């Protein structure tokens, strides 16, 4: 599923969750999402970088320049305190939503 196919708001949550451990650069965030979803979720650069900039502008992320493992200069993103709070609230909301969708899918038609 490509980045443009992700449900509205899901990409922001996936980015925030990817950064819950350590700061990552954009490529690392995309690789984390792809890897932890067993390749099902593929976030395209055209969706990822605007989302990173939007989250930074809203105060959920802070960015700083650093070096990748290969020595390339890249912008690394990390969660702010507001970003951690947003992640917690969005995870709770997503879990309630996914339980509700699961209930609907498991119900017999007409119930």
N, C-alpha and C. Protein backbone atom coordinates (compact mmCIF):
# COMPACT_ATOMS: atom_id res chain seq x y z
N UNK A 1 0.86 -1.17 0.00
CA UNK A 1 0.00 0.00 0.00
C UNK A 1 0.91 1.23 0.00
N UNK A 2 0.77 2.06 -0.96
CA UNK A 2 1.64 3.23 -1.07
C UNK A 2 1.19 4.33 -0.13
N UNK A 3 2.07 5.31 0.06
CA UNK A 3 1.78 6.43 0.96
C UNK A 3 0.51 7.15 0.62
N UNK A 4 0.20 7.28 -0.66
CA UNK A 4 -1.01 8.00 -1.04
C UNK A 4 -2.27 7.19 -0.74
N UNK A 5 -2.12 5.88 -0.51
CA UNK A 5 -3.26 5.03 -0.20
C UNK A 5 -3.55 4.94 1.29
N UNK A 6 -2.65 5.46 2.12
CA UNK A 6 -2.85 5.37 3.56
C UNK A 6 -4.06 6.19 3.97
N UNK A 7 -4.81 5.68 4.92
CA UNK A 7 -5.98 6.39 5.40
C UNK A 7 -5.57 7.74 5.98
N UNK A 8 -6.44 8.71 5.86
CA UNK A 8 -6.17 10.06 6.36
C UNK A 8 -5.76 10.01 7.83
N UNK A 9 -4.67 10.67 8.16
CA UNK A 9 -4.20 10.72 9.54
C UNK A 9 -3.31 9.57 9.94
N UNK A 10 -3.35 8.48 9.20
CA UNK A 10 -2.56 7.31 9.57
C UNK A 10 -1.07 7.56 9.39
N UNK A 11 -0.69 8.26 8.34
CA UNK A 11 0.72 8.50 8.10
C UNK A 11 1.34 9.28 9.25
N UNK A 12 0.66 10.29 9.76
CA UNK A 12 1.18 11.05 10.88
C UNK A 12 1.43 10.14 12.08
N UNK A 13 0.49 9.27 12.37
CA UNK A 13 0.63 8.34 13.49
C UNK A 13 1.81 7.40 13.26
N UNK A 14 1.96 6.89 12.05
CA UNK A 14 3.07 5.99 11.75
C UNK A 14 4.42 6.68 11.91
N UNK A 15 4.49 7.94 11.49
CA UNK A 15 5.73 8.70 11.64
C UNK A 15 6.03 8.92 13.12
N UNK A 16 5.05 9.38 13.88
CA UNK A 16 5.27 9.61 15.30
C UNK A 16 5.71 8.33 16.00
N UNK A 17 5.08 7.22 15.67
CA UNK A 17 5.45 5.94 16.30
C UNK A 17 6.86 5.52 15.91
N UNK A 18 7.24 5.76 14.67
CA UNK A 18 8.58 5.40 14.20
C UNK A 18 9.65 6.16 14.96
N UNK A 19 9.31 7.35 15.45
CA UNK A 19 10.27 8.19 16.15
C UNK A 19 10.20 8.05 17.67
N UNK A 20 9.40 7.11 18.16
CA UNK A 20 9.23 6.94 19.60
C UNK A 20 10.52 6.46 20.28
N UNK A 21 11.41 5.83 19.52
CA UNK A 21 12.66 5.35 20.10
C UNK A 21 13.78 6.34 19.96
N UNK A 22 14.25 6.53 18.76
CA UNK A 22 15.38 7.41 18.48
C UNK A 22 15.06 8.31 17.30
N UNK A 23 15.86 9.35 17.16
CA UNK A 23 15.74 10.23 16.00
C UNK A 23 16.11 9.46 14.75
N UNK A 24 15.42 9.72 13.66
CA UNK A 24 15.69 9.08 12.37
C UNK A 24 15.61 10.13 11.28
N UNK A 25 16.30 9.87 10.19
CA UNK A 25 16.15 10.72 9.00
C UNK A 25 14.98 10.18 8.19
N UNK A 26 14.55 10.94 7.19
CA UNK A 26 13.37 10.58 6.42
C UNK A 26 13.44 9.18 5.83
N UNK A 27 14.57 8.85 5.21
CA UNK A 27 14.71 7.52 4.61
C UNK A 27 14.59 6.45 5.69
N UNK A 28 15.16 6.69 6.87
CA UNK A 28 15.07 5.72 7.96
C UNK A 28 13.65 5.54 8.46
N UNK A 29 12.88 6.62 8.47
CA UNK A 29 11.47 6.52 8.88
C UNK A 29 10.71 5.66 7.88
N UNK A 30 10.90 5.93 6.59
CA UNK A 30 10.24 5.13 5.57
C UNK A 30 10.63 3.66 5.65
N UNK A 31 11.91 3.42 5.88
CA UNK A 31 12.41 2.04 5.99
C UNK A 31 11.81 1.36 7.21
N UNK A 32 11.68 2.09 8.32
CA UNK A 32 11.09 1.51 9.53
C UNK A 32 9.63 1.12 9.30
N UNK A 33 8.87 2.01 8.68
CA UNK A 33 7.46 1.73 8.40
C UNK A 33 7.33 0.52 7.47
N UNK A 34 8.13 0.49 6.42
CA UNK A 34 8.10 -0.63 5.47
C UNK A 34 8.50 -1.93 6.18
N UNK A 35 9.56 -1.89 6.96
CA UNK A 35 10.05 -3.10 7.62
C UNK A 35 9.12 -3.64 8.68
N UNK A 36 8.57 -2.77 9.50
CA UNK A 36 7.69 -3.24 10.57
C UNK A 36 6.32 -3.66 10.06
N UNK A 37 5.98 -3.27 8.84
CA UNK A 37 4.70 -3.69 8.25
C UNK A 37 4.90 -4.85 7.27
N UNK A 38 6.08 -5.47 7.31
CA UNK A 38 6.41 -6.58 6.40
C UNK A 38 6.23 -6.17 4.94
N UNK A 39 6.54 -4.91 4.64
CA UNK A 39 6.47 -4.44 3.27
C UNK A 39 5.10 -4.04 2.78
N UNK A 40 4.09 -4.13 3.63
CA UNK A 40 2.73 -3.78 3.21
C UNK A 40 2.58 -2.28 3.04
N UNK A 41 3.19 -1.51 3.94
CA UNK A 41 3.07 -0.06 3.89
C UNK A 41 4.35 0.53 3.30
N UNK A 42 4.22 1.12 2.15
CA UNK A 42 5.34 1.75 1.43
C UNK A 42 5.03 3.24 1.35
N UNK A 43 5.79 4.04 2.08
CA UNK A 43 5.53 5.48 2.10
C UNK A 43 6.43 6.15 1.07
N UNK A 44 5.80 6.79 0.12
CA UNK A 44 6.55 7.47 -0.94
C UNK A 44 7.07 8.80 -0.42
N UNK A 45 8.22 9.22 -0.95
CA UNK A 45 8.84 10.48 -0.54
C UNK A 45 7.88 11.66 -0.69
N UNK A 46 7.07 11.64 -1.74
CA UNK A 46 6.13 12.72 -2.00
C UNK A 46 5.07 12.85 -0.93
N UNK A 47 4.86 11.82 -0.13
CA UNK A 47 3.92 11.87 0.99
C UNK A 47 4.67 12.05 2.31
N UNK A 48 5.84 11.42 2.43
CA UNK A 48 6.58 11.42 3.69
C UNK A 48 7.12 12.81 4.06
N UNK A 49 7.82 13.45 3.16
CA UNK A 49 8.48 14.71 3.51
C UNK A 49 7.50 15.85 3.79
N UNK A 50 6.42 15.98 3.05
CA UNK A 50 5.43 17.00 3.45
C UNK A 50 4.84 16.70 4.83
N UNK A 51 4.63 15.43 5.15
CA UNK A 51 4.09 15.08 6.47
C UNK A 51 5.10 15.43 7.56
N UNK A 52 6.40 15.15 7.32
CA UNK A 52 7.42 15.51 8.30
C UNK A 52 7.45 17.02 8.54
N UNK A 53 7.40 17.79 7.46
CA UNK A 53 7.42 19.24 7.60
C UNK A 53 6.17 19.75 8.31
N UNK A 54 5.02 19.15 8.02
CA UNK A 54 3.77 19.55 8.68
C UNK A 54 3.83 19.25 10.19
N UNK A 55 4.35 18.07 10.54
CA UNK A 55 4.46 17.70 11.96
C UNK A 55 5.47 18.58 12.69
N UNK A 56 6.53 18.96 11.99
CA UNK A 56 7.52 19.86 12.59
C UNK A 56 6.89 21.25 12.81
N UNK A 57 6.17 21.72 11.84
CA UNK A 57 5.53 23.04 11.94
C UNK A 57 4.51 23.08 13.08
N UNK A 58 3.84 21.96 13.33
CA UNK A 58 2.85 21.89 14.40
C UNK A 58 3.49 21.71 15.78
N UNK A 59 4.82 21.53 15.81
CA UNK A 59 5.53 21.41 17.09
C UNK A 59 5.63 19.99 17.61
N UNK A 60 5.28 19.00 16.80
CA UNK A 60 5.35 17.62 17.24
C UNK A 60 6.73 17.00 17.01
N UNK A 61 7.49 17.59 16.10
CA UNK A 61 8.84 17.10 15.78
C UNK A 61 9.82 18.25 15.85
N UNK A 62 11.07 17.91 16.16
CA UNK A 62 12.17 18.85 16.02
C UNK A 62 13.17 18.20 15.07
N UNK A 63 13.85 19.02 14.31
CA UNK A 63 14.78 18.52 13.31
C UNK A 63 16.17 19.08 13.55
N UNK A 64 17.17 18.26 13.24
CA UNK A 64 18.56 18.71 13.32
C UNK A 64 19.37 17.95 12.27
N UNK A 65 20.42 18.60 11.81
CA UNK A 65 21.26 17.98 10.79
C UNK A 65 22.27 17.05 11.44
N UNK A 66 22.52 15.94 10.77
CA UNK A 66 23.49 14.96 11.25
C UNK A 66 24.00 14.12 10.11
N UNK A 67 24.72 13.06 10.44
CA UNK A 67 25.30 12.15 9.45
C UNK A 67 24.65 10.78 9.56
N UNK A 68 24.35 10.19 8.41
CA UNK A 68 23.79 8.84 8.37
C UNK A 68 24.91 7.84 8.63
N UNK A 69 24.56 6.57 8.71
CA UNK A 69 25.56 5.51 8.90
C UNK A 69 26.57 5.48 7.76
N UNK A 70 26.15 5.94 6.61
CA UNK A 70 27.05 5.95 5.45
C UNK A 70 27.80 7.27 5.31
N UNK A 71 27.62 8.18 6.27
CA UNK A 71 28.33 9.45 6.25
C UNK A 71 27.65 10.57 5.48
N UNK A 72 26.48 10.28 4.94
CA UNK A 72 25.75 11.31 4.20
C UNK A 72 25.09 12.28 5.17
N UNK A 73 25.09 13.56 4.83
CA UNK A 73 24.43 14.58 5.65
C UNK A 73 22.92 14.47 5.44
N UNK A 74 22.17 14.46 6.55
CA UNK A 74 20.72 14.32 6.46
C UNK A 74 20.06 15.02 7.64
N UNK A 75 18.80 15.36 7.46
CA UNK A 75 18.01 15.96 8.53
C UNK A 75 17.40 14.82 9.35
N UNK A 76 17.65 14.86 10.65
CA UNK A 76 17.10 13.86 11.56
C UNK A 76 15.95 14.47 12.33
N UNK A 77 14.90 13.67 12.52
CA UNK A 77 13.70 14.12 13.21
C UNK A 77 13.56 13.38 14.53
N UNK A 78 13.07 14.09 15.53
CA UNK A 78 12.84 13.52 16.85
C UNK A 78 11.54 14.09 17.40
N UNK A 79 10.93 13.35 18.31
CA UNK A 79 9.68 13.81 18.92
C UNK A 79 9.95 14.91 19.95
N UNK A 80 9.08 15.88 19.99
CA UNK A 80 9.07 16.86 21.08
C UNK A 80 8.17 16.30 22.18
N UNK A 81 8.10 17.00 23.31
CA UNK A 81 7.17 16.59 24.37
C UNK A 81 5.74 16.60 23.85
N UNK A 82 5.41 17.61 23.04
CA UNK A 82 4.07 17.67 22.44
C UNK A 82 3.83 16.50 21.49
N UNK A 83 4.89 16.11 20.78
CA UNK A 83 4.79 14.98 19.86
C UNK A 83 4.54 13.67 20.60
N UNK A 84 5.20 13.50 21.74
CA UNK A 84 4.99 12.28 22.55
C UNK A 84 3.56 12.24 23.07
N UNK A 85 3.06 13.38 23.54
CA UNK A 85 1.67 13.43 24.01
C UNK A 85 0.71 13.14 22.87
N UNK A 86 0.98 13.69 21.70
CA UNK A 86 0.13 13.45 20.52
C UNK A 86 0.16 11.97 20.14
N UNK A 87 1.35 11.36 20.17
CA UNK A 87 1.46 9.94 19.87
C UNK A 87 0.60 9.12 20.82
N UNK A 88 0.69 9.39 22.11
CA UNK A 88 -0.10 8.64 23.09
C UNK A 88 -1.60 8.76 22.82
N UNK A 89 -2.06 9.99 22.59
CA UNK A 89 -3.50 10.18 22.37
C UNK A 89 -3.95 9.56 21.05
N UNK A 90 -3.13 9.68 20.01
CA UNK A 90 -3.50 9.11 18.71
C UNK A 90 -3.46 7.59 18.73
N UNK A 91 -2.53 7.00 19.49
CA UNK A 91 -2.51 5.54 19.61
C UNK A 91 -3.78 5.03 20.30
N UNK A 92 -4.20 5.71 21.35
CA UNK A 92 -5.44 5.32 22.03
C UNK A 92 -6.63 5.43 21.08
N UNK A 93 -6.69 6.54 20.34
CA UNK A 93 -7.79 6.75 19.40
C UNK A 93 -7.77 5.69 18.29
N UNK A 94 -6.58 5.39 17.75
CA UNK A 94 -6.46 4.41 16.68
C UNK A 94 -6.85 3.01 17.18
N UNK A 95 -6.44 2.65 18.39
CA UNK A 95 -6.78 1.33 18.92
C UNK A 95 -8.28 1.19 19.11
N UNK A 96 -8.94 2.23 19.59
CA UNK A 96 -10.40 2.19 19.74
C UNK A 96 -11.07 2.08 18.37
N UNK A 97 -10.56 2.84 17.41
CA UNK A 97 -11.10 2.81 16.05
C UNK A 97 -10.92 1.43 15.42
N UNK A 98 -9.72 0.87 15.54
CA UNK A 98 -9.47 -0.43 14.91
C UNK A 98 -10.29 -1.55 15.57
N UNK A 99 -10.51 -1.45 16.89
CA UNK A 99 -11.38 -2.42 17.56
C UNK A 99 -12.80 -2.32 17.01
N UNK A 100 -13.29 -1.08 16.84
CA UNK A 100 -14.64 -0.87 16.33
C UNK A 100 -14.78 -1.40 14.91
N UNK A 101 -13.80 -1.15 14.05
CA UNK A 101 -13.83 -1.67 12.68
C UNK A 101 -13.80 -3.20 12.72
N UNK A 102 -12.96 -3.76 13.57
CA UNK A 102 -12.90 -5.22 13.71
C UNK A 102 -14.23 -5.80 14.14
N UNK A 103 -14.91 -5.13 15.05
CA UNK A 103 -16.23 -5.59 15.49
C UNK A 103 -17.23 -5.60 14.34
N UNK A 104 -17.20 -4.54 13.54
CA UNK A 104 -18.13 -4.46 12.40
C UNK A 104 -17.81 -5.57 11.39
N UNK A 105 -16.55 -5.79 11.12
CA UNK A 105 -16.16 -6.82 10.15
C UNK A 105 -16.47 -8.23 10.64
N UNK A 106 -16.43 -8.43 11.94
CA UNK A 106 -16.70 -9.75 12.50
C UNK A 106 -18.18 -10.04 12.68
N UNK A 107 -19.01 -9.01 12.67
CA UNK A 107 -20.45 -9.18 12.89
C UNK A 107 -21.10 -9.84 11.68
N UNK A 108 -22.12 -10.57 11.94
CA UNK A 108 -22.92 -11.16 10.86
C UNK A 108 -23.70 -10.06 10.17
N UNK A 109 -23.81 -10.10 8.86
CA UNK A 109 -24.61 -9.09 8.15
C UNK A 109 -26.04 -9.05 8.68
N UNK A 110 -26.53 -7.84 8.86
CA UNK A 110 -27.91 -7.67 9.34
C UNK A 110 -28.02 -7.61 10.84
N UNK A 111 -26.93 -7.87 11.58
CA UNK A 111 -27.00 -7.80 13.06
C UNK A 111 -27.06 -6.38 13.54
